[in-house]
Protein backbone atom coordinates (compact mmCIF):
# COMPACT_ATOMS: atom_id res chain seq x y z
CA MET A 1 82.35 221.19 -63.50
CA GLU A 2 84.57 219.08 -65.77
CA ASN A 3 87.60 219.58 -63.54
CA ASN A 4 85.69 218.44 -60.47
CA ASN A 5 84.53 215.29 -62.23
CA ASP A 6 88.09 214.57 -63.31
CA GLU A 7 89.51 215.03 -59.82
CA GLN A 8 87.01 212.86 -57.99
CA PRO A 9 87.85 209.50 -59.63
CA LYS A 10 91.53 210.34 -59.35
CA LYS A 11 91.30 210.76 -55.58
CA LYS A 12 89.35 207.52 -55.27
CA GLY A 13 91.89 205.68 -57.38
CA LEU A 14 94.81 206.88 -55.29
CA SER A 15 93.07 205.79 -52.12
CA LYS A 16 92.65 202.29 -53.51
CA GLY A 17 96.23 202.44 -54.76
CA ILE A 18 97.59 203.02 -51.26
CA ILE A 19 95.72 200.02 -49.92
CA ALA A 20 96.80 197.88 -52.87
CA ILE A 21 100.47 198.82 -52.40
CA ILE A 22 100.47 197.90 -48.71
CA ILE A 23 98.61 194.64 -49.27
CA ALA A 24 100.80 193.74 -52.25
CA VAL A 25 104.00 194.15 -50.27
CA ILE A 26 102.74 192.06 -47.36
CA VAL A 27 101.40 189.33 -49.66
CA LEU A 28 104.51 189.26 -51.82
CA ALA A 29 106.72 189.07 -48.75
CA GLY A 30 104.64 186.31 -47.19
CA GLY A 31 104.39 184.35 -50.43
CA GLY A 32 108.12 184.68 -50.96
CA ALA A 33 108.85 182.95 -47.67
CA ALA A 34 109.29 179.73 -49.65
CA ALA A 35 111.95 181.25 -51.86
CA PHE A 36 114.84 182.16 -49.59
CA PHE A 37 117.13 180.11 -47.37
CA LEU A 38 118.35 181.01 -43.93
CA THR A 39 121.33 179.19 -42.48
CA ALA A 40 121.38 180.79 -39.03
CA SER A 41 120.07 178.81 -36.06
CA THR A 42 118.51 181.68 -34.13
CA PRO A 43 114.83 181.43 -33.08
CA LYS A 44 113.93 184.04 -35.73
CA ALA A 45 115.68 182.08 -38.49
CA THR A 46 114.15 178.78 -37.34
CA TYR A 47 110.70 180.41 -37.30
CA PHE A 48 110.86 181.44 -40.97
CA GLN A 49 112.80 178.37 -42.08
CA ALA A 50 110.03 176.15 -40.69
CA GLU A 51 107.41 178.08 -42.67
CA LYS A 52 109.56 177.77 -45.81
CA ASN A 53 110.04 174.02 -45.35
CA SER A 54 106.32 173.46 -44.73
CA ILE A 55 105.33 175.24 -47.94
CA GLU A 56 107.94 173.32 -49.94
CA GLN A 57 106.75 170.02 -48.43
CA LEU A 58 103.18 170.79 -49.53
CA GLN A 59 104.38 171.59 -53.06
CA ASP A 60 106.48 168.41 -53.21
CA PHE A 61 103.54 166.30 -52.01
CA MET A 62 101.23 167.55 -54.78
CA GLU A 63 103.89 167.33 -57.49
CA THR A 64 104.78 163.77 -56.48
CA ARG A 65 101.15 162.63 -56.28
CA TYR A 66 100.21 164.12 -59.65
CA GLU A 67 103.56 163.78 -61.38
CA ASP A 68 102.06 162.51 -64.66
CA GLU A 69 99.54 165.36 -64.75
CA TYR A 70 102.29 167.93 -64.13
CA ASN A 71 104.41 166.36 -66.87
CA TRP A 72 101.54 166.57 -69.36
CA TYR A 73 101.01 170.22 -68.47
CA GLU A 74 104.68 170.89 -69.20
CA GLN A 75 104.31 169.01 -72.50
CA SER A 76 101.37 171.24 -73.48
CA ILE A 77 103.40 174.39 -72.75
CA GLU A 78 106.60 173.31 -74.48
CA ASN A 79 105.17 171.43 -77.51
CA PRO A 80 102.27 171.63 -79.95
CA VAL A 81 99.40 169.47 -78.66
CA SER A 82 95.95 168.44 -79.82
CA GLN A 83 92.95 167.69 -77.61
CA ASN A 84 89.54 166.30 -78.51
CA VAL A 85 86.77 166.81 -75.96
CA SER A 86 83.19 165.51 -76.11
CA LEU A 87 80.44 166.64 -73.75
CA GLY A 88 77.03 165.09 -73.08
CA LEU A 89 74.25 165.94 -70.61
CA ASN A 90 71.68 163.85 -68.74
CA LEU A 91 68.72 166.00 -67.63
CA GLU A 92 66.43 163.21 -66.46
CA GLY A 93 66.28 164.71 -62.98
CA LEU A 94 64.93 168.01 -64.27
CA GLU A 95 62.26 166.13 -66.19
CA THR A 96 60.98 164.17 -63.17
CA GLN A 97 60.82 167.38 -61.13
CA GLY A 98 58.81 169.08 -63.85
CA LEU A 99 61.50 171.68 -64.46
CA ILE A 100 61.87 170.87 -68.15
CA ASP A 101 59.67 169.52 -70.95
CA PRO A 102 60.27 165.75 -71.44
CA GLN A 103 60.82 166.15 -75.18
CA MET A 104 63.32 168.94 -74.63
CA SER A 105 65.04 166.84 -71.95
CA ALA A 106 65.33 163.84 -74.29
CA MET A 107 66.68 165.99 -77.13
CA ILE A 108 69.35 167.64 -74.99
CA SER A 109 70.25 164.39 -73.21
CA ASN A 110 70.92 162.69 -76.54
CA ALA A 111 72.92 165.61 -77.93
CA GLU A 112 76.71 165.70 -78.08
CA LEU A 113 78.96 168.72 -78.17
CA ALA A 114 82.55 168.22 -79.34
CA PHE A 115 85.62 170.45 -79.30
CA ASN A 116 88.79 169.69 -81.24
CA THR A 117 91.72 171.95 -80.43
CA GLU A 118 95.38 172.34 -81.32
CA THR A 119 97.73 174.72 -79.54
CA ASP A 120 101.36 175.76 -79.87
CA MET A 121 102.13 178.17 -77.03
CA GLU A 122 105.69 178.88 -78.17
CA ASN A 123 104.71 179.88 -81.72
CA LYS A 124 101.47 181.53 -80.56
CA GLN A 125 99.12 179.39 -82.62
CA ALA A 126 95.77 177.94 -81.59
CA TYR A 127 93.08 176.14 -83.59
CA GLY A 128 89.63 175.08 -82.45
CA GLU A 129 86.66 173.36 -84.08
CA VAL A 130 83.18 173.01 -82.58
CA SER A 131 80.52 170.49 -83.65
CA LEU A 132 77.06 169.74 -82.28
CA ASN A 133 74.92 166.68 -82.88
CA VAL A 134 71.31 167.26 -81.75
CA ALA A 135 67.99 165.80 -82.84
CA GLY A 136 69.60 163.96 -85.74
CA MET A 137 71.24 167.11 -87.08
CA ASN A 138 75.00 167.44 -87.19
CA LEU A 139 76.28 171.01 -87.10
CA ASP A 140 80.00 171.18 -87.77
CA GLY A 141 82.51 173.21 -89.71
CA ILE A 142 82.68 176.02 -87.12
CA THR A 143 86.38 176.71 -86.61
CA GLY A 144 88.60 179.40 -85.22
CA TYR A 145 92.31 179.93 -85.63
CA VAL A 146 94.60 182.36 -83.83
CA GLU A 147 98.11 183.20 -84.98
CA GLY A 148 99.73 185.90 -82.89
CA SER A 149 97.20 188.71 -82.81
CA ASP A 150 95.32 187.58 -85.95
CA LEU A 151 91.97 185.82 -85.57
CA TYR A 152 90.46 183.66 -88.36
CA THR A 153 86.96 182.12 -88.42
CA GLU A 154 85.47 179.46 -90.69
CA LEU A 155 81.69 179.02 -90.78
CA PRO A 156 79.92 176.03 -92.37
CA PHE A 157 77.98 178.17 -94.86
CA LEU A 158 80.82 180.46 -95.99
CA GLU A 159 83.18 179.81 -98.88
CA GLU A 160 85.60 182.40 -97.54
CA VAL A 161 87.44 182.69 -94.22
CA LEU A 162 86.77 185.73 -92.04
CA MET A 163 89.82 187.41 -90.57
CA ILE A 164 90.53 190.33 -88.26
CA SER A 165 93.66 191.48 -86.45
CA ASP A 166 93.44 192.49 -82.82
CA GLU A 167 94.89 195.88 -83.75
CA ASP A 168 91.91 196.48 -86.11
CA ILE A 169 89.07 195.47 -83.78
CA GLY A 170 88.83 198.91 -82.18
CA SER A 171 88.69 200.75 -85.50
CA VAL A 172 85.97 198.41 -86.80
CA LEU A 173 83.88 198.92 -83.65
CA ALA A 174 84.41 202.68 -83.87
CA GLU A 175 83.19 202.61 -87.47
CA MET A 176 80.00 200.91 -86.30
CA ASP A 177 79.50 202.98 -83.11
CA PRO A 178 81.81 206.01 -82.81
CA TYR A 179 80.07 207.13 -79.61
CA MET A 180 80.80 203.91 -77.72
CA PHE A 181 84.32 203.12 -78.99
CA THR A 182 87.47 205.21 -79.47
CA GLY A 183 89.11 202.98 -82.09
CA ASN A 184 92.00 201.89 -79.82
CA GLU A 185 90.21 198.94 -78.18
CA GLN A 186 91.67 195.44 -78.42
CA LEU A 187 90.67 192.00 -77.21
CA GLY A 188 94.19 191.25 -76.03
CA ILE A 189 94.17 187.95 -77.94
CA GLU A 190 97.88 187.20 -77.55
CA GLU A 191 97.86 187.90 -73.82
CA LEU A 192 94.69 185.88 -73.19
CA MET A 193 95.70 182.89 -75.29
CA PHE A 194 99.45 182.57 -74.93
CA GLU A 195 100.85 184.68 -72.10
CA ASN A 196 98.59 183.92 -69.14
CA ASP A 197 100.70 181.41 -67.22
CA GLY A 198 99.01 182.17 -63.89
CA SER A 199 102.07 183.96 -62.52
CA LEU A 200 101.77 187.60 -61.53
CA LEU A 201 105.50 188.10 -61.12
CA THR A 202 108.37 187.25 -63.45
CA GLU A 203 111.34 185.36 -62.01
CA GLU A 204 113.41 188.55 -62.09
CA GLU A 205 110.69 190.47 -60.24
CA LYS A 206 110.39 187.72 -57.63
CA GLU A 207 114.14 187.78 -57.08
CA TYR A 208 114.15 191.56 -56.63
CA ILE A 209 111.26 191.48 -54.14
CA GLN A 210 112.93 188.70 -52.18
CA ASP A 211 116.36 190.35 -52.09
CA GLU A 212 115.27 193.93 -51.51
CA TYR A 213 112.08 193.60 -49.47
CA LEU A 214 111.61 190.15 -48.01
CA MET A 215 115.07 190.08 -46.51
CA PHE A 216 114.66 193.72 -45.49
CA ILE A 217 111.52 192.83 -43.53
CA TYR A 218 113.36 189.87 -42.00
CA ASP A 219 116.21 192.12 -40.88
CA GLU A 220 113.80 194.76 -39.52
CA LEU A 221 112.14 192.28 -37.19
CA PRO A 222 113.89 192.55 -33.80
CA ASP A 223 115.82 189.41 -32.85
CA ASP A 224 114.74 189.76 -29.24
CA SER A 225 111.06 189.55 -30.30
CA PHE A 226 111.59 185.80 -30.82
CA GLU A 227 111.90 183.33 -27.95
CA SER A 228 112.40 179.57 -28.02
CA GLU A 229 111.78 176.67 -25.65
CA ASN A 230 111.09 172.95 -25.92
CA GLU A 231 107.52 171.76 -25.49
CA ASP A 232 105.52 168.63 -26.36
CA VAL A 233 102.40 169.23 -28.43
CA GLU A 234 99.57 166.90 -29.49
CA VAL A 235 98.69 166.86 -33.19
CA ASN A 236 96.25 164.41 -34.76
CA GLY A 237 96.33 162.28 -31.61
CA ASP A 238 100.13 162.01 -31.47
CA SER A 239 102.43 163.62 -28.90
CA ILE A 240 105.29 165.41 -30.68
CA SER A 241 108.45 166.83 -29.15
CA ALA A 242 108.73 170.30 -30.65
CA GLU A 243 110.58 173.57 -30.42
CA LYS A 244 108.13 176.30 -29.42
CA ILE A 245 109.08 179.63 -31.02
CA THR A 246 107.11 182.72 -30.01
CA MET A 247 107.18 186.04 -31.87
CA ASN A 248 105.85 189.03 -29.92
CA LEU A 249 105.73 192.33 -31.75
CA SER A 250 104.40 195.38 -29.93
CA GLU A 251 102.16 197.86 -31.71
CA GLU A 252 105.10 200.24 -32.08
CA GLU A 253 107.38 197.53 -33.47
CA PHE A 254 104.78 196.34 -35.97
CA LYS A 255 104.09 199.89 -37.18
CA SER A 256 107.82 200.51 -37.41
CA VAL A 257 108.32 197.52 -39.72
CA ILE A 258 105.46 198.57 -42.03
CA THR A 259 106.62 202.19 -42.05
CA SER A 260 110.21 201.18 -42.84
CA VAL A 261 109.04 199.13 -45.81
CA LEU A 262 106.92 202.00 -47.12
CA GLU A 263 109.80 204.44 -46.67
CA LYS A 264 112.05 202.08 -48.62
CA MET A 265 109.57 202.07 -51.49
CA LYS A 266 109.80 205.83 -51.90
CA GLY A 267 112.20 206.59 -54.70
CA ASP A 268 112.61 202.91 -55.60
CA GLU A 269 112.22 203.16 -59.36
CA GLU A 270 112.64 199.43 -59.91
CA PHE A 271 109.84 198.64 -57.45
CA GLN A 272 107.63 201.21 -59.17
CA GLU A 273 108.35 199.48 -62.48
CA ILE A 274 107.29 196.14 -60.96
CA LEU A 275 104.15 197.81 -59.63
CA GLN A 276 103.41 199.27 -63.06
CA ASN A 277 103.79 195.81 -64.61
CA GLN A 278 101.29 194.46 -62.08
CA PHE A 279 98.80 197.18 -62.96
CA GLU A 280 99.24 196.51 -66.68
CA ARG A 281 98.79 192.74 -66.28
CA THR A 282 95.70 192.98 -64.10
CA ALA A 283 94.01 196.22 -65.16
CA ALA A 284 93.68 195.46 -68.87
CA ALA A 285 90.27 194.14 -69.91
CA PRO A 286 88.92 193.07 -73.32
CA LEU A 287 87.64 195.93 -75.46
CA GLU A 288 89.02 198.65 -73.20
CA ASP A 289 91.09 201.50 -74.61
CA PRO A 290 94.70 200.78 -73.57
CA GLU A 291 95.48 204.50 -73.70
CA VAL A 292 92.82 205.19 -71.06
CA ILE A 293 94.17 202.39 -68.85
CA GLN A 294 97.74 203.67 -69.27
CA GLN A 295 96.61 207.17 -68.36
CA GLN A 296 95.07 205.87 -65.13
CA ILE A 297 98.25 203.95 -64.29
CA ASP A 298 100.40 207.03 -65.01
CA GLU A 299 98.21 209.13 -62.70
CA VAL A 300 98.71 206.70 -59.83
CA LEU A 301 102.47 206.37 -60.36
CA ALA A 302 102.90 210.14 -60.76
CA GLU A 303 101.85 210.57 -57.16
CA PHE A 304 103.45 207.39 -55.88
CA ASP A 305 105.61 209.02 -53.21
CA SER A 306 102.79 211.20 -51.91
CA SER A 307 100.56 208.12 -51.81
CA ILE A 308 103.19 206.33 -49.76
CA ASP A 309 103.23 209.29 -47.35
CA GLN A 310 99.46 208.97 -47.00
CA GLY A 311 99.92 205.27 -46.33
CA ILE A 312 102.47 205.98 -43.60
CA GLU A 313 100.07 208.43 -41.98
CA ALA A 314 97.29 205.82 -42.15
CA VAL A 315 99.53 203.23 -40.47
CA GLU A 316 100.46 205.67 -37.70
CA SER A 317 96.81 206.31 -36.84
CA PHE A 318 95.70 202.69 -37.21
CA GLN A 319 95.24 200.61 -34.06
CA PHE A 320 97.07 197.36 -33.27
CA PRO A 321 96.61 197.57 -29.48
CA ASP A 322 98.01 194.12 -28.68
CA GLY A 323 100.62 194.05 -31.42
CA ILE A 324 101.15 190.61 -32.98
CA GLN A 325 101.52 187.35 -31.11
CA SER A 326 102.54 184.37 -33.22
CA THR A 327 103.73 181.00 -31.93
CA LEU A 328 105.00 178.10 -34.02
CA TRP A 329 105.72 174.61 -32.76
CA VAL A 330 108.47 173.14 -34.97
CA SER A 331 109.42 169.50 -35.42
CA ASP A 332 111.60 167.97 -38.14
CA ASP A 333 112.22 171.54 -39.38
CA LYS A 334 108.52 172.00 -40.22
CA VAL A 335 105.56 173.66 -38.50
CA VAL A 336 103.35 171.19 -36.62
CA GLN A 337 101.17 173.69 -34.75
CA ARG A 338 100.55 177.44 -34.84
CA ASP A 339 98.77 180.12 -32.84
CA PHE A 340 98.46 183.63 -34.30
CA SER A 341 96.48 186.59 -32.96
CA ILE A 342 96.08 190.31 -33.68
CA SER A 343 93.51 193.03 -32.98
CA LEU A 344 93.13 195.93 -35.38
CA ALA A 345 90.87 198.87 -36.22
CA PRO A 346 90.98 202.37 -37.69
CA GLU A 347 91.47 205.21 -35.25
CA GLY A 348 88.41 205.83 -33.08
CA GLU A 349 86.84 202.42 -33.69
CA GLU A 350 86.68 199.35 -31.47
CA PRO A 351 89.52 196.92 -32.34
CA VAL A 352 88.41 193.62 -33.86
CA PRO A 353 90.36 190.51 -32.79
CA PHE A 354 91.56 187.98 -35.37
CA SER A 355 93.12 184.62 -34.57
CA LEU A 356 94.36 181.55 -36.42
CA SER A 357 95.26 178.36 -34.58
CA GLY A 358 95.62 174.65 -35.25
CA GLY A 359 97.89 171.76 -36.01
CA GLN A 360 99.38 170.33 -39.19
CA LEU A 361 101.57 167.45 -40.30
CA PHE A 362 103.23 167.77 -43.72
CA ASN A 363 105.17 164.65 -44.72
CA ASP A 364 106.14 162.83 -47.91
CA ASP A 365 102.97 160.73 -47.93
CA GLN A 366 100.49 162.74 -45.83
CA ILE A 367 99.13 166.27 -45.55
CA TYR A 368 97.11 166.78 -42.37
CA PHE A 369 95.75 170.06 -41.01
CA ASP A 370 93.14 171.25 -38.52
CA HIS A 371 92.86 175.03 -38.34
CA THR A 372 90.36 177.47 -36.87
CA ILE A 373 89.98 181.15 -37.79
CA MET A 374 88.10 183.47 -35.43
CA MET A 375 87.27 187.14 -35.94
CA GLY A 376 84.71 189.66 -34.72
CA ASN A 377 83.43 191.28 -31.55
CA GLU A 378 80.33 191.22 -29.35
CA ASP A 379 78.16 192.46 -32.25
CA MET A 380 79.21 189.85 -34.77
CA GLU A 381 81.51 186.86 -34.66
CA ILE A 382 82.77 184.73 -37.53
CA SER A 383 84.41 181.35 -37.12
CA ILE A 384 85.88 179.21 -39.87
CA GLY A 385 87.00 175.66 -39.20
CA LEU A 386 89.01 173.84 -41.85
CA ASP A 387 90.50 170.38 -41.46
CA GLY A 388 91.75 167.75 -43.85
CA ASP A 389 93.73 164.56 -44.17
CA PHE A 390 95.26 163.77 -47.57
CA GLN A 391 97.08 160.46 -47.54
CA GLY A 392 99.10 158.74 -50.23
CA THR A 393 101.33 159.66 -53.16
CA GLY A 394 101.54 156.14 -54.61
CA ASP A 395 99.04 153.61 -55.93
CA THR A 396 96.32 154.36 -53.37
CA VAL A 397 95.04 157.78 -52.30
CA THR A 398 92.42 158.65 -49.68
CA ASP A 399 91.42 162.23 -48.94
CA ASN A 400 88.94 163.98 -46.71
CA ALA A 401 88.39 167.61 -45.77
CA ASN A 402 85.77 169.55 -43.84
CA LEU A 403 84.72 173.19 -43.77
CA ASN A 404 82.53 174.84 -41.14
CA PHE A 405 81.61 178.52 -41.50
CA VAL A 406 79.49 180.21 -38.82
CA LEU A 407 78.39 183.86 -38.70
CA ASP A 408 76.71 184.77 -35.42
CA ASP A 409 75.14 188.22 -35.10
CA GLY A 410 73.32 187.34 -31.89
CA TYR A 411 69.96 187.06 -33.62
CA MET A 412 70.03 184.63 -36.53
CA PRO A 413 73.23 182.55 -36.83
CA PHE A 414 74.16 181.48 -40.34
CA GLU A 415 76.10 178.27 -40.94
CA ILE A 416 77.61 176.54 -43.95
CA THR A 417 79.26 173.13 -43.76
CA GLY A 418 81.16 171.39 -46.48
CA THR A 419 82.79 167.98 -46.79
CA TYR A 420 85.08 166.47 -49.39
CA THR A 421 86.09 162.84 -49.80
CA GLY A 422 88.32 161.38 -52.45
CA ASP A 423 89.44 157.86 -53.29
CA GLU A 424 91.98 157.28 -56.03
CA SER A 425 93.94 154.29 -57.29
CA LEU A 426 96.81 154.29 -59.74
CA ASP A 427 97.36 151.35 -62.09
CA GLY A 428 100.43 152.07 -64.16
CA SER A 429 99.70 155.46 -65.72
CA THR A 430 95.91 155.22 -65.29
CA ARG A 431 94.25 156.92 -62.34
CA ASN A 432 90.73 155.92 -61.25
CA PHE A 433 89.03 158.41 -58.97
CA ASP A 434 85.85 159.05 -57.01
CA ARG A 435 85.62 162.56 -55.58
CA GLN A 436 82.55 163.72 -53.64
CA LEU A 437 81.75 167.24 -52.49
CA GLN A 438 78.80 168.16 -50.24
CA PHE A 439 77.58 171.55 -49.01
CA THR A 440 74.84 172.12 -46.43
CA VAL A 441 73.21 175.49 -45.81
CA ASP A 442 70.56 175.42 -43.07
CA ASN A 443 68.64 172.24 -43.96
CA ASP A 444 69.45 172.17 -47.68
CA THR A 445 72.21 169.92 -48.99
CA ILE A 446 73.89 169.94 -52.39
CA ASN A 447 75.95 166.93 -53.54
CA LEU A 448 78.46 167.10 -56.36
CA GLY A 449 80.22 163.94 -57.50
CA TRP A 450 83.15 163.61 -59.89
CA THR A 451 84.08 160.08 -60.95
CA GLY A 452 86.13 158.67 -63.78
CA ASP A 453 89.62 157.81 -64.91
CA SER A 454 92.56 159.52 -66.56
CA THR A 455 95.69 158.27 -68.28
CA TYR A 456 98.80 160.36 -68.81
CA ASP A 457 101.41 158.37 -70.68
CA GLY A 458 104.33 160.26 -72.18
CA ASP A 459 103.10 162.28 -75.14
CA GLN A 460 99.47 161.12 -74.92
CA MET A 461 96.59 161.50 -72.47
CA SER A 462 92.96 160.46 -72.12
CA SER A 463 90.31 161.20 -69.53
CA ASN A 464 86.74 160.07 -68.90
CA ASN A 465 84.71 162.09 -66.41
CA ASN A 466 81.20 162.02 -65.01
CA ILE A 467 80.04 165.00 -62.96
CA ALA A 468 76.73 164.44 -61.15
CA LEU A 469 74.60 166.99 -59.31
CA ASP A 470 72.09 166.08 -56.62
CA PHE A 471 69.99 168.70 -54.82
CA PRO A 472 67.35 166.72 -52.86
CA GLY A 473 63.88 168.12 -53.35
CA TYR A 474 64.95 170.17 -56.36
CA ILE A 475 67.37 168.34 -58.66
CA ASP A 476 68.02 164.62 -58.88
CA ASN A 477 69.98 162.55 -61.40
CA VAL A 478 71.46 165.38 -63.44
CA SER A 479 74.90 164.67 -64.81
CA MET A 480 77.46 165.59 -67.44
CA ASP A 481 79.96 163.33 -69.22
CA ILE A 482 83.24 164.87 -70.37
CA ASN A 483 85.69 162.71 -72.29
CA SER A 484 88.96 163.91 -73.76
CA GLU A 485 91.99 162.64 -75.64
CA GLY A 486 95.20 164.55 -76.18
CA ALA A 487 98.54 164.04 -77.91
CA VAL A 488 101.72 165.88 -78.79
CA ILE A 489 101.70 166.80 -82.49
CA ASP A 490 104.25 168.14 -84.98
CA ALA A 491 102.51 171.46 -85.63
CA VAL A 492 99.16 173.26 -85.53
CA GLU A 493 97.36 172.69 -88.82
CA GLY A 494 95.57 176.04 -88.93
CA VAL A 495 93.14 177.04 -91.67
CA ASP A 496 93.33 177.63 -95.41
CA THR A 497 94.00 181.35 -95.81
CA SER A 498 93.91 181.45 -99.62
CA ASN A 499 90.41 182.97 -99.61
CA VAL A 500 90.26 185.49 -96.76
CA VAL A 501 87.92 188.41 -96.13
CA ASP A 502 89.79 190.93 -93.94
CA LEU A 503 87.10 192.62 -91.87
CA GLY A 504 89.64 194.98 -90.33
CA SER A 505 90.38 196.62 -93.66
CA MET A 506 86.72 197.47 -94.36
CA SER A 507 84.85 200.70 -93.74
CA ALA A 508 81.47 200.68 -92.03
CA GLU A 509 79.76 200.87 -95.43
CA GLU A 510 81.79 197.96 -96.82
CA LEU A 511 81.03 195.87 -93.74
CA GLN A 512 77.31 196.52 -94.12
CA GLN A 513 77.40 195.63 -97.80
CA TYR A 514 79.28 192.38 -97.11
CA PHE A 515 77.04 191.13 -94.30
CA GLU A 516 73.83 192.12 -96.06
CA GLY A 517 75.08 190.69 -99.36
CA ASP A 518 77.43 187.69 -99.69
CA PHE A 519 77.29 186.68 -96.04
CA ASN A 520 73.48 186.77 -95.78
CA SER A 521 73.01 185.05 -99.15
CA GLN A 522 75.21 182.08 -98.22
CA LEU A 523 73.58 181.82 -94.78
CA GLU A 524 70.06 181.64 -96.24
CA GLN A 525 71.14 178.97 -98.71
CA TRP A 526 72.66 176.88 -95.94
CA LEU A 527 69.59 177.13 -93.69
CA MET A 528 67.37 175.75 -96.45
CA GLN A 529 68.71 172.22 -95.84
CA PHE A 530 67.14 172.35 -92.36
CA GLY A 531 63.83 173.62 -93.66
CA LEU A 532 64.42 177.08 -92.25
């Protein structure tokens, strides 16, 4: 019975692994289109070069518009910085709707929560202090400090500082509950605090994927599948002279490309190492036994080649009856209109069509797009319309975007609409902004407003924000104020570690004695000042 239980999850995991591998390769290849340069002037090269240029133009637009914000982010990564944040709530709307007691509303609305933080990403140090002022009472002195994998905590009623290392957390938990924990669990403090830069791939891994797989896919695509002609196209009311490039891949050609990529993966030890790194970065979760996670990863990688073979078989039996048709209209070396379509389904099922079409204009001072996604069949159809016009990278910015989602099953259509408007003005290094977001589902509308100002000036920053929520008929006049100030500092101050209680070095009995003794005694004494 035990063997059967062990085999079942393994089979399920491998099945998911096959899908993940295929998706990962396609996504990585597509995302890497902005990272390589083609000098040829063939229709195929122009097709991919236009996609590359469009993505780079979008990146340049955002980095130019929010240059000061990007610079401050870089400052916070490269230098020690401090940031003070205060938060206040206004719950008047809940009170008038009878959703909260007036006295409770007044107490919370007059309360203030403050966070003071210091971080040094390079030296893996972070300090944070929390204070709360509510109903005339000021609760402060709650601090935390992280240095590497060591976590320190100061509490307002304790003379000593509590400390525990990430490596000891599992053993402490196992002492308290040996049935729930193995003793190897960790929070992953260093990874969570200092190593999460939002990038799934290292620069070396990106370069390998681009050189070995992206260019391989490019070379595998038949040159004669791409055709070019000149054609005028209308985008945002303007007639544009463009080069129309059409890619037509038959079902056999598309399957051949995917199969060739999967075959290339077999025996590629470096790719398997990249894949293992991805699993390790994304599979780890707080308070999970890393040995168990590693065992699961090893099981998947041990059967990597056989999993690839299963993936190749799945591709062979999958249906792409119309192949892929993709047309780009290119002007000024960038995409100005696109039309993409494919139908797909597992063997024996009715193919489901998918299409993406629309126009776009990506320039130095404007990002415009109007795209429609359609998918489904006679039983159910989904359409997604997304358009936007973001203008300005200088002193004045005006933005608007619209979303329309419709699901039609032939009986009860479901629709969601969303709109976004933004007005910003830049005066020196100070940005004033008014951003409004609205969602409508059936006849109910939710409004979310974000107004305020921010200043990023060299090694200092400040920001004042008001976020207001309006849900007519339910919530009115509910808002939150968030104000912050930041600066580059010499170093993180940390905490006084001359009087430390190391929880990780204690047995279960010693922990119980401490918390029932010194800890509880000091807590009771502290609570007396509040009449508790």
